Amino acid sequence: MNPYPTEAAWIAALQANDPLAYEALVETFAEPIYRLAYRMVHDPADAEDILQETFLQAYLHIGDFRGQAGLKTWLYRIATRQALALLRRRQRKIDAATTSLESATDDKPAWEERLADEHTPSPERWALAHETEDCVRQAIEGLSPPLRAALVLHFFEGLPLPQVAAALDISHSAAKVRVHRARRALQQALQPCVGEPASAPAAPPTPQEVKP
């Protein structure tokens, strides 16, 4: 339970190295940070590592925090950077193991060259109504890491575009472009999978207990 009446008081306690403040930080944000990490990397162990590293980096750098964004957005920025770094490491391993993927990635789909149509039916609603969990997961994994991050933050985590921009450290307009492109890409990826309505994708695994 968070004992601090305002976020400013909470930040001050964190910067004063109050162990109760850090305990409250972990208790409050462990679940959403783990959920974000899992949806980015789709691996429980890697998501747990990102979770731990996020709180370690927060502990080490809380003194530099100036409150330009809220604590949640700041933590999401740290976690997203960790997840993107992990995805880049994965890609380097794939590139080192084989060059056969290069030709497949050279032909970028047309959706990357245009914004999504505002009148297009919501791909998320489409997914929840018609897709299996595996189909949705594979469609999200098919997005480039920057587009995946924007989609997860905006749709799954419910951040408005200004907070998505802050979490990704990009402009508001760039965040809007990424979200639109991700939505269009997701819709196109799901088209072959449309079938009978299915239940919503299952929630990611529960994170293990995180100790300050």
Protein backbone atom coordinates (compact mmCIF):
# COMPACT_ATOMS: atom_id res chain seq x y z
CA MET A 1 0.00 0.00 0.00
CA ASN A 2 1.30 3.43 -0.94
CA PRO A 3 1.57 5.59 2.22
CA TYR A 4 2.42 8.80 0.35
CA PRO A 5 -0.35 11.38 -0.16
CA THR A 6 1.09 12.79 -3.40
CA GLU A 7 3.49 11.58 -6.06
CA ALA A 8 5.78 14.51 -5.25
CA ALA A 9 6.06 13.28 -1.65
CA TRP A 10 6.68 9.77 -2.93
CA ILE A 11 9.45 10.94 -5.26
CA ALA A 12 11.05 12.93 -2.44
CA ALA A 13 11.04 9.83 -0.26
CA LEU A 14 12.56 7.75 -3.05
CA GLN A 15 15.29 10.30 -3.58
CA ALA A 16 15.93 10.27 0.17
CA ASN A 17 16.52 6.50 -0.11
CA ASP A 18 13.53 5.65 2.03
CA PRO A 19 13.20 1.84 1.81
CA LEU A 20 9.44 2.05 2.33
CA ALA A 21 9.15 4.29 -0.73
CA TYR A 22 11.00 1.79 -2.89
CA GLU A 23 8.93 -1.07 -1.49
CA ALA A 24 5.78 0.86 -2.44
CA LEU A 25 7.23 1.46 -5.92
CA VAL A 26 7.74 -2.24 -6.49
CA GLU A 27 4.39 -3.18 -5.00
CA THR A 28 2.56 -0.64 -7.14
CA PHE A 29 4.26 -1.13 -10.48
CA ALA A 30 5.65 -4.69 -10.57
CA GLU A 31 2.57 -6.15 -12.22
CA PRO A 32 2.12 -3.56 -15.01
CA ILE A 33 5.85 -3.45 -15.74
CA TYR A 34 6.04 -7.24 -15.97
CA ARG A 35 2.94 -7.28 -18.17
CA LEU A 36 4.48 -4.69 -20.49
CA ALA A 37 7.75 -6.64 -20.66
CA TYR A 38 6.01 -9.94 -21.33
CA ARG A 39 3.93 -8.50 -24.14
CA MET A 40 7.06 -7.07 -25.69
CA VAL A 41 9.30 -10.14 -25.48
CA HIS A 42 6.85 -13.06 -25.01
CA ASP A 43 9.11 -14.96 -22.67
CA PRO A 44 8.50 -15.21 -18.90
CA ALA A 45 12.16 -15.43 -17.93
CA ASP A 46 13.16 -12.49 -20.11
CA ALA A 47 10.20 -10.48 -18.82
CA GLU A 48 11.29 -11.21 -15.26
CA ASP A 49 14.82 -10.04 -16.09
CA ILE A 50 13.45 -6.82 -17.58
CA LEU A 51 11.31 -6.29 -14.49
CA GLN A 52 14.28 -6.69 -12.16
CA GLU A 53 16.51 -4.47 -14.29
CA THR A 54 13.83 -1.79 -14.49
CA PHE A 55 13.62 -1.45 -10.72
CA LEU A 56 17.41 -1.61 -10.39
CA GLN A 57 17.79 1.23 -12.89
CA ALA A 58 15.04 3.17 -11.14
CA TYR A 59 16.85 2.77 -7.82
CA LEU A 60 20.17 3.85 -9.34
CA HIS A 61 18.80 6.85 -11.20
CA ILE A 62 15.94 8.15 -9.07
CA GLY A 63 18.19 11.03 -8.08
CA ASP A 64 18.15 12.19 -11.72
CA PHE A 65 14.37 12.09 -11.95
CA ARG A 66 12.98 15.60 -12.41
CA GLY A 67 9.30 14.84 -12.74
CA GLN A 68 8.84 15.84 -16.37
CA ALA A 69 6.68 12.72 -16.61
CA GLY A 70 4.91 10.65 -13.97
CA LEU A 71 6.60 7.79 -12.17
CA LYS A 72 4.65 5.22 -14.17
CA THR A 73 5.64 6.76 -17.49
CA TRP A 74 9.26 7.00 -16.35
CA LEU A 75 9.30 3.32 -15.35
CA TYR A 76 7.64 2.36 -18.63
CA ARG A 77 10.38 4.23 -20.47
CA ILE A 78 13.05 2.25 -18.62
CA ALA A 79 11.26 -1.06 -19.17
CA THR A 80 10.64 -0.35 -22.85
CA ARG A 81 14.28 0.47 -23.42
CA GLN A 82 15.27 -2.78 -21.73
CA ALA A 83 12.81 -4.74 -23.87
CA LEU A 84 13.93 -3.10 -27.10
CA ALA A 85 17.57 -3.80 -26.23
CA LEU A 86 16.73 -7.45 -25.64
CA LEU A 87 14.88 -7.67 -28.96
CA ARG A 88 17.88 -6.15 -30.72
CA ARG A 89 20.15 -8.75 -29.11
CA ARG A 90 17.82 -11.49 -30.29
CA GLN A 91 17.89 -10.11 -33.81
CA ARG A 92 21.69 -9.94 -33.83
CA LYS A 93 21.83 -13.62 -32.86
CA ILE A 94 19.45 -14.48 -35.69
CA ASP A 95 21.46 -12.39 -38.16
CA ALA A 96 24.68 -14.04 -37.03
CA ALA A 97 23.21 -17.52 -37.43
CA THR A 98 21.72 -17.06 -40.88
CA THR A 99 21.53 -14.55 -43.69
CA SER A 100 18.50 -16.15 -45.27
CA LEU A 101 16.16 -13.77 -43.47
CA GLU A 102 17.65 -10.71 -45.15
CA SER A 103 15.77 -11.19 -48.38
CA ALA A 104 12.55 -11.71 -46.47
CA THR A 105 12.97 -8.47 -44.56
CA ASP A 106 13.98 -6.39 -47.58
CA ASP A 107 10.44 -6.29 -48.93
CA LYS A 108 8.70 -4.14 -46.39
CA PRO A 109 4.90 -4.35 -46.48
CA ALA A 110 2.98 -1.43 -47.89
CA TRP A 111 1.50 -0.48 -44.52
CA GLU A 112 4.88 0.81 -43.38
CA GLU A 113 4.66 3.51 -46.04
CA ARG A 114 1.29 4.98 -45.07
CA LEU A 115 -0.79 5.92 -42.07
CA ALA A 116 -3.64 3.75 -40.96
CA ASP A 117 -7.09 4.75 -42.14
CA GLU A 118 -9.02 6.27 -39.22
CA HIS A 119 -12.19 4.62 -40.52
CA THR A 120 -10.69 1.12 -40.51
CA PRO A 121 -12.31 -1.19 -37.92
CA SER A 122 -10.27 -1.46 -34.74
CA PRO A 123 -7.82 -4.39 -35.08
CA GLU A 124 -7.84 -4.92 -31.32
CA ARG A 125 -11.60 -5.41 -31.26
CA TRP A 126 -11.32 -7.62 -34.29
CA ALA A 127 -8.65 -9.67 -32.56
CA LEU A 128 -10.57 -10.06 -29.32
CA ALA A 129 -13.72 -11.02 -31.20
CA HIS A 130 -12.32 -13.37 -33.83
CA GLU A 131 -8.78 -14.49 -33.16
CA THR A 132 -7.10 -17.17 -31.16
CA GLU A 133 -4.44 -16.23 -28.65
CA ASP A 134 -1.66 -17.73 -30.79
CA CYS A 135 -2.73 -15.80 -33.87
CA VAL A 136 -2.76 -12.50 -31.99
CA ARG A 137 0.58 -13.25 -30.36
CA GLN A 138 2.19 -14.10 -33.69
CA ALA A 139 0.76 -10.98 -35.28
CA ILE A 140 2.20 -8.79 -32.53
CA GLU A 141 5.56 -10.58 -32.72
CA GLY A 142 5.60 -9.82 -36.42
CA LEU A 143 5.67 -6.08 -35.76
CA SER A 144 8.99 -4.29 -35.70
CA PRO A 145 10.13 -3.57 -32.11
CA PRO A 146 9.34 0.19 -32.30
CA LEU A 147 5.83 -0.47 -33.62
CA ARG A 148 5.28 -3.26 -31.11
CA ALA A 149 6.28 -1.00 -28.24
CA ALA A 150 3.91 1.75 -29.37
CA LEU A 151 1.00 -0.67 -29.77
CA VAL A 152 1.54 -2.39 -26.42
CA LEU A 153 1.86 0.90 -24.55
CA HIS A 154 -1.16 2.52 -26.20
CA PHE A 155 -3.62 -0.34 -26.51
CA PHE A 156 -2.70 -2.99 -23.95
CA GLU A 157 -1.42 -0.63 -21.25
CA GLY A 158 -3.87 2.14 -22.06
CA LEU A 159 -1.39 5.02 -22.20
CA PRO A 160 -2.62 8.10 -24.11
CA LEU A 161 -0.42 9.24 -26.96
CA PRO A 162 1.42 11.94 -24.97
CA GLN A 163 2.48 9.32 -22.43
CA VAL A 164 3.43 6.87 -25.20
CA ALA A 165 5.63 9.60 -26.64
CA ALA A 166 7.21 10.21 -23.24
CA ALA A 167 7.77 6.51 -22.59
CA LEU A 168 9.43 6.04 -25.99
CA ASP A 169 11.25 9.39 -25.80
CA ILE A 170 9.86 10.51 -29.15
CA SER A 171 7.61 13.35 -30.30
CA HIS A 172 3.84 13.22 -30.02
CA SER A 173 3.49 13.14 -33.81
CA ALA A 174 5.99 10.28 -34.08
CA ALA A 175 4.08 8.32 -31.44
CA LYS A 176 0.84 8.86 -33.36
CA VAL A 177 2.44 7.61 -36.56
CA ARG A 178 3.80 4.50 -34.87
CA VAL A 179 0.48 3.64 -33.26
CA HIS A 180 -1.40 4.07 -36.54
CA ARG A 181 1.11 1.98 -38.46
CA ALA A 182 1.08 -0.72 -35.79
CA ARG A 183 -2.73 -0.88 -35.82
CA ARG A 184 -2.83 -1.18 -39.61
CA ALA A 185 -0.07 -3.79 -39.59
CA LEU A 186 -1.84 -5.81 -36.91
CA GLN A 187 -5.09 -5.73 -38.84
CA GLN A 188 -3.40 -6.93 -42.02
CA ALA A 189 -1.57 -9.68 -40.15
CA LEU A 190 -4.82 -10.92 -38.62
CA GLN A 191 -6.78 -11.09 -41.87
CA PRO A 192 -5.80 -14.70 -42.70
CA CYS A 193 -6.75 -15.80 -39.19
CA VAL A 194 -10.33 -14.56 -39.01
CA GLY A 195 -12.65 -17.30 -37.91
CA GLU A 196 -15.17 -18.04 -35.23
CA PRO A 197 -15.17 -15.64 -32.26
CA ALA A 198 -12.77 -16.65 -29.55
CA SER A 199 -12.15 -15.58 -26.03
CA ALA A 200 -9.81 -12.69 -25.29
CA PRO A 201 -6.09 -13.49 -25.13
CA ALA A 202 -5.05 -14.85 -21.77
CA ALA A 203 -3.24 -12.55 -19.39
CA PRO A 204 0.53 -13.01 -19.17
CA PRO A 205 1.93 -15.15 -16.37
CA THR A 206 2.05 -13.62 -12.92
CA PRO A 207 5.52 -12.25 -12.09
CA GLN A 208 7.48 -13.79 -9.30
CA GLU A 209 7.82 -11.77 -6.12
CA VAL A 210 10.17 -8.87 -6.64
CA LYS A 211 12.44 -7.89 -3.77
CA PRO A 212 13.86 -4.36 -3.48
